[in-house]
N, C-alpha and C. Protein backbone atom coordinates (compact mmCIF):
# COMPACT_ATOMS: atom_id res chain seq x y z
N MET A 1 118.89 108.41 83.24
CA MET A 1 117.97 107.32 83.52
C MET A 1 117.07 107.12 82.31
N ARG A 2 116.94 105.91 81.90
CA ARG A 2 116.10 105.59 80.75
C ARG A 2 114.71 105.20 81.21
N PRO A 3 113.69 105.60 80.43
CA PRO A 3 112.35 105.15 80.78
C PRO A 3 112.22 103.66 80.51
N PRO A 4 111.42 102.95 81.31
CA PRO A 4 111.19 101.53 81.03
C PRO A 4 110.52 101.35 79.68
N SER A 5 110.64 100.17 79.12
CA SER A 5 110.02 99.86 77.84
C SER A 5 108.52 100.12 77.93
N GLY A 6 107.98 100.77 76.92
CA GLY A 6 106.55 101.07 76.90
C GLY A 6 106.17 102.30 77.68
N ALA A 7 107.17 103.12 78.08
CA ALA A 7 106.87 104.33 78.85
C ALA A 7 107.46 105.55 78.14
N LEU A 8 106.84 106.69 78.37
CA LEU A 8 107.33 107.96 77.84
C LEU A 8 107.79 108.82 79.00
N ALA A 9 108.90 109.53 78.82
CA ALA A 9 109.40 110.46 79.83
C ALA A 9 108.90 111.85 79.48
N THR A 10 108.27 112.53 80.44
CA THR A 10 107.72 113.85 80.23
C THR A 10 108.26 114.80 81.28
N ASN A 11 108.74 115.99 80.86
CA ASN A 11 109.15 117.03 81.80
C ASN A 11 107.90 117.74 82.32
N ILE A 12 107.80 117.86 83.65
CA ILE A 12 106.67 118.55 84.25
C ILE A 12 107.15 119.42 85.40
N GLU A 13 106.36 120.45 85.72
CA GLU A 13 106.63 121.25 86.91
C GLU A 13 105.91 120.58 88.08
N ILE A 14 106.65 120.40 89.18
CA ILE A 14 106.04 119.78 90.36
C ILE A 14 106.08 120.74 91.54
N THR A 15 105.14 120.52 92.44
CA THR A 15 105.08 121.23 93.71
C THR A 15 104.95 120.16 94.80
N SER A 16 104.87 120.60 96.04
CA SER A 16 104.70 119.62 97.12
C SER A 16 103.35 118.90 96.99
N ASP A 17 102.37 119.52 96.35
CA ASP A 17 101.07 118.87 96.14
C ASP A 17 101.10 117.83 95.02
N SER A 18 101.94 118.04 94.01
CA SER A 18 101.87 117.18 92.83
C SER A 18 103.01 116.16 92.71
N VAL A 19 104.05 116.25 93.54
CA VAL A 19 105.17 115.31 93.43
C VAL A 19 104.67 113.89 93.71
N GLN A 20 105.25 112.91 93.00
CA GLN A 20 104.85 111.50 93.14
C GLN A 20 106.08 110.62 93.27
N ARG A 21 105.88 109.45 93.86
CA ARG A 21 106.95 108.43 93.87
C ARG A 21 107.29 108.12 92.42
N GLY A 22 108.58 107.98 92.14
CA GLY A 22 109.01 107.67 90.78
C GLY A 22 109.43 108.89 89.98
N ASP A 23 109.03 110.10 90.41
CA ASP A 23 109.49 111.31 89.73
C ASP A 23 111.01 111.41 89.82
N VAL A 24 111.64 111.92 88.78
CA VAL A 24 113.10 112.08 88.76
C VAL A 24 113.40 113.57 88.73
N ILE A 25 114.17 114.03 89.74
CA ILE A 25 114.53 115.44 89.88
C ILE A 25 116.04 115.54 89.78
N GLN A 26 116.53 116.50 89.00
CA GLN A 26 117.98 116.73 88.90
C GLN A 26 118.43 117.59 90.07
N ILE A 27 119.37 117.09 90.84
CA ILE A 27 119.94 117.83 91.97
C ILE A 27 121.45 117.84 91.80
N GLY A 28 122.01 119.01 91.62
CA GLY A 28 123.45 119.11 91.40
C GLY A 28 123.91 118.35 90.18
N GLY A 29 123.06 118.30 89.16
CA GLY A 29 123.41 117.60 87.93
C GLY A 29 123.20 116.09 87.98
N GLN A 30 122.77 115.57 89.12
CA GLN A 30 122.53 114.13 89.27
C GLN A 30 121.03 113.85 89.27
N PRO A 31 120.57 112.90 88.46
CA PRO A 31 119.15 112.54 88.51
C PRO A 31 118.86 111.72 89.77
N CYS A 32 117.85 112.15 90.51
CA CYS A 32 117.46 111.46 91.74
C CYS A 32 115.99 111.06 91.64
N ARG A 33 115.71 109.76 91.83
CA ARG A 33 114.34 109.25 91.74
C ARG A 33 113.71 109.23 93.12
N VAL A 34 112.49 109.78 93.23
CA VAL A 34 111.77 109.82 94.50
C VAL A 34 111.30 108.41 94.85
N ALA A 35 111.76 107.93 96.02
CA ALA A 35 111.38 106.59 96.49
C ALA A 35 110.22 106.66 97.47
N ASP A 36 110.16 107.74 98.28
CA ASP A 36 109.10 107.85 99.28
C ASP A 36 108.87 109.32 99.60
N LEU A 37 107.71 109.62 100.15
CA LEU A 37 107.32 110.99 100.50
C LEU A 37 106.81 111.00 101.93
N VAL A 38 107.14 112.06 102.67
CA VAL A 38 106.64 112.24 104.02
C VAL A 38 105.97 113.61 104.09
N GLN A 39 104.69 113.64 104.48
CA GLN A 39 103.96 114.90 104.62
C GLN A 39 104.45 115.65 105.86
N LEU A 40 104.75 116.95 105.70
CA LEU A 40 105.20 117.79 106.80
C LEU A 40 104.17 118.91 107.03
N ARG A 41 104.45 119.74 108.02
CA ARG A 41 103.55 120.86 108.32
C ARG A 41 103.56 121.88 107.18
N ALA A 42 102.54 122.69 107.17
CA ALA A 42 102.42 123.83 106.24
C ALA A 42 102.51 123.43 104.77
N GLY A 43 102.10 122.21 104.43
CA GLY A 43 102.06 121.79 103.04
C GLY A 43 103.38 121.31 102.46
N ALA A 44 104.44 121.25 103.28
CA ALA A 44 105.74 120.78 102.80
C ALA A 44 105.77 119.26 102.75
N LYS A 45 106.70 118.72 101.95
CA LYS A 45 106.93 117.27 101.90
C LYS A 45 108.42 117.00 101.94
N ARG A 46 108.80 115.94 102.62
CA ARG A 46 110.18 115.48 102.61
C ARG A 46 110.27 114.38 101.56
N LEU A 47 111.15 114.58 100.58
CA LEU A 47 111.35 113.60 99.51
C LEU A 47 112.54 112.72 99.89
N LEU A 48 112.33 111.43 99.86
CA LEU A 48 113.40 110.46 100.12
C LEU A 48 113.73 109.81 98.78
N PHE A 49 114.99 109.93 98.37
CA PHE A 49 115.39 109.42 97.06
C PHE A 49 115.97 108.01 97.17
N GLU A 50 115.94 107.27 96.07
CA GLU A 50 116.48 105.91 96.03
C GLU A 50 117.94 105.86 96.47
N SER A 51 118.68 106.94 96.20
CA SER A 51 120.11 106.99 96.52
C SER A 51 120.39 107.31 97.98
N GLY A 52 119.35 107.63 98.76
CA GLY A 52 119.53 107.93 100.17
C GLY A 52 119.48 109.40 100.51
N GLU A 53 119.55 110.28 99.51
CA GLU A 53 119.46 111.71 99.77
C GLU A 53 118.05 112.08 100.19
N VAL A 54 117.95 113.22 100.87
CA VAL A 54 116.67 113.73 101.35
C VAL A 54 116.56 115.19 100.94
N LEU A 55 115.36 115.61 100.52
CA LEU A 55 115.11 117.00 100.14
C LEU A 55 113.75 117.40 100.70
N THR A 56 113.68 118.58 101.32
CA THR A 56 112.40 119.10 101.77
C THR A 56 111.87 120.06 100.71
N LEU A 57 110.68 119.78 100.24
CA LEU A 57 110.02 120.59 99.23
C LEU A 57 108.94 121.39 99.94
N HIS A 58 109.13 122.70 100.04
CA HIS A 58 108.16 123.56 100.73
C HIS A 58 106.96 123.83 99.84
N ALA A 59 105.89 124.28 100.44
CA ALA A 59 104.64 124.49 99.71
C ALA A 59 104.80 125.47 98.54
N GLN A 60 105.70 126.45 98.65
CA GLN A 60 105.88 127.45 97.59
C GLN A 60 106.91 127.02 96.53
N SER A 61 107.62 125.94 96.78
CA SER A 61 108.69 125.50 95.87
C SER A 61 108.11 124.92 94.60
N ARG A 62 108.82 125.17 93.49
CA ARG A 62 108.47 124.59 92.20
C ARG A 62 109.74 124.05 91.57
N LEU A 63 109.69 122.82 91.11
CA LEU A 63 110.84 122.18 90.47
C LEU A 63 110.38 121.53 89.17
N ILE A 64 111.34 121.26 88.30
CA ILE A 64 111.06 120.49 87.08
C ILE A 64 111.50 119.05 87.33
N ALA A 65 110.62 118.13 86.97
CA ALA A 65 110.91 116.70 87.16
C ALA A 65 110.60 115.97 85.88
N ILE A 66 111.10 114.76 85.80
CA ILE A 66 110.76 113.84 84.71
C ILE A 66 109.80 112.82 85.29
N ARG A 67 108.67 112.65 84.63
CA ARG A 67 107.68 111.66 85.08
C ARG A 67 107.48 110.65 83.96
N MET A 68 107.48 109.39 84.32
CA MET A 68 107.27 108.32 83.35
C MET A 68 105.77 108.09 83.20
N THR A 69 105.31 108.08 81.96
CA THR A 69 103.90 107.77 81.70
C THR A 69 103.84 106.60 80.73
N ARG A 70 102.84 105.80 80.87
CA ARG A 70 102.67 104.64 80.00
C ARG A 70 102.13 105.03 78.64
N LYS A 71 102.66 104.40 77.60
CA LYS A 71 102.08 104.56 76.25
C LYS A 71 100.85 103.67 76.18
N TRP A 72 99.84 104.14 75.48
CA TRP A 72 98.62 103.34 75.33
C TRP A 72 98.60 102.69 74.02
């Protein structure tokens, strides 16, 4: 996935607290962009991807994601 014009792609570590819509997470070698988030019990979040896949991110989980940031 290419960043939009005027944006920089940055690798970051995410948790259920810090994940955002638009983050791209590699799952099974496929980049999946987070389309929506659902808050669950005990600090977990259900990530809904643009492709239709779903992933539950528990409070202790840590993943690497690509986040697009705007150039100033």
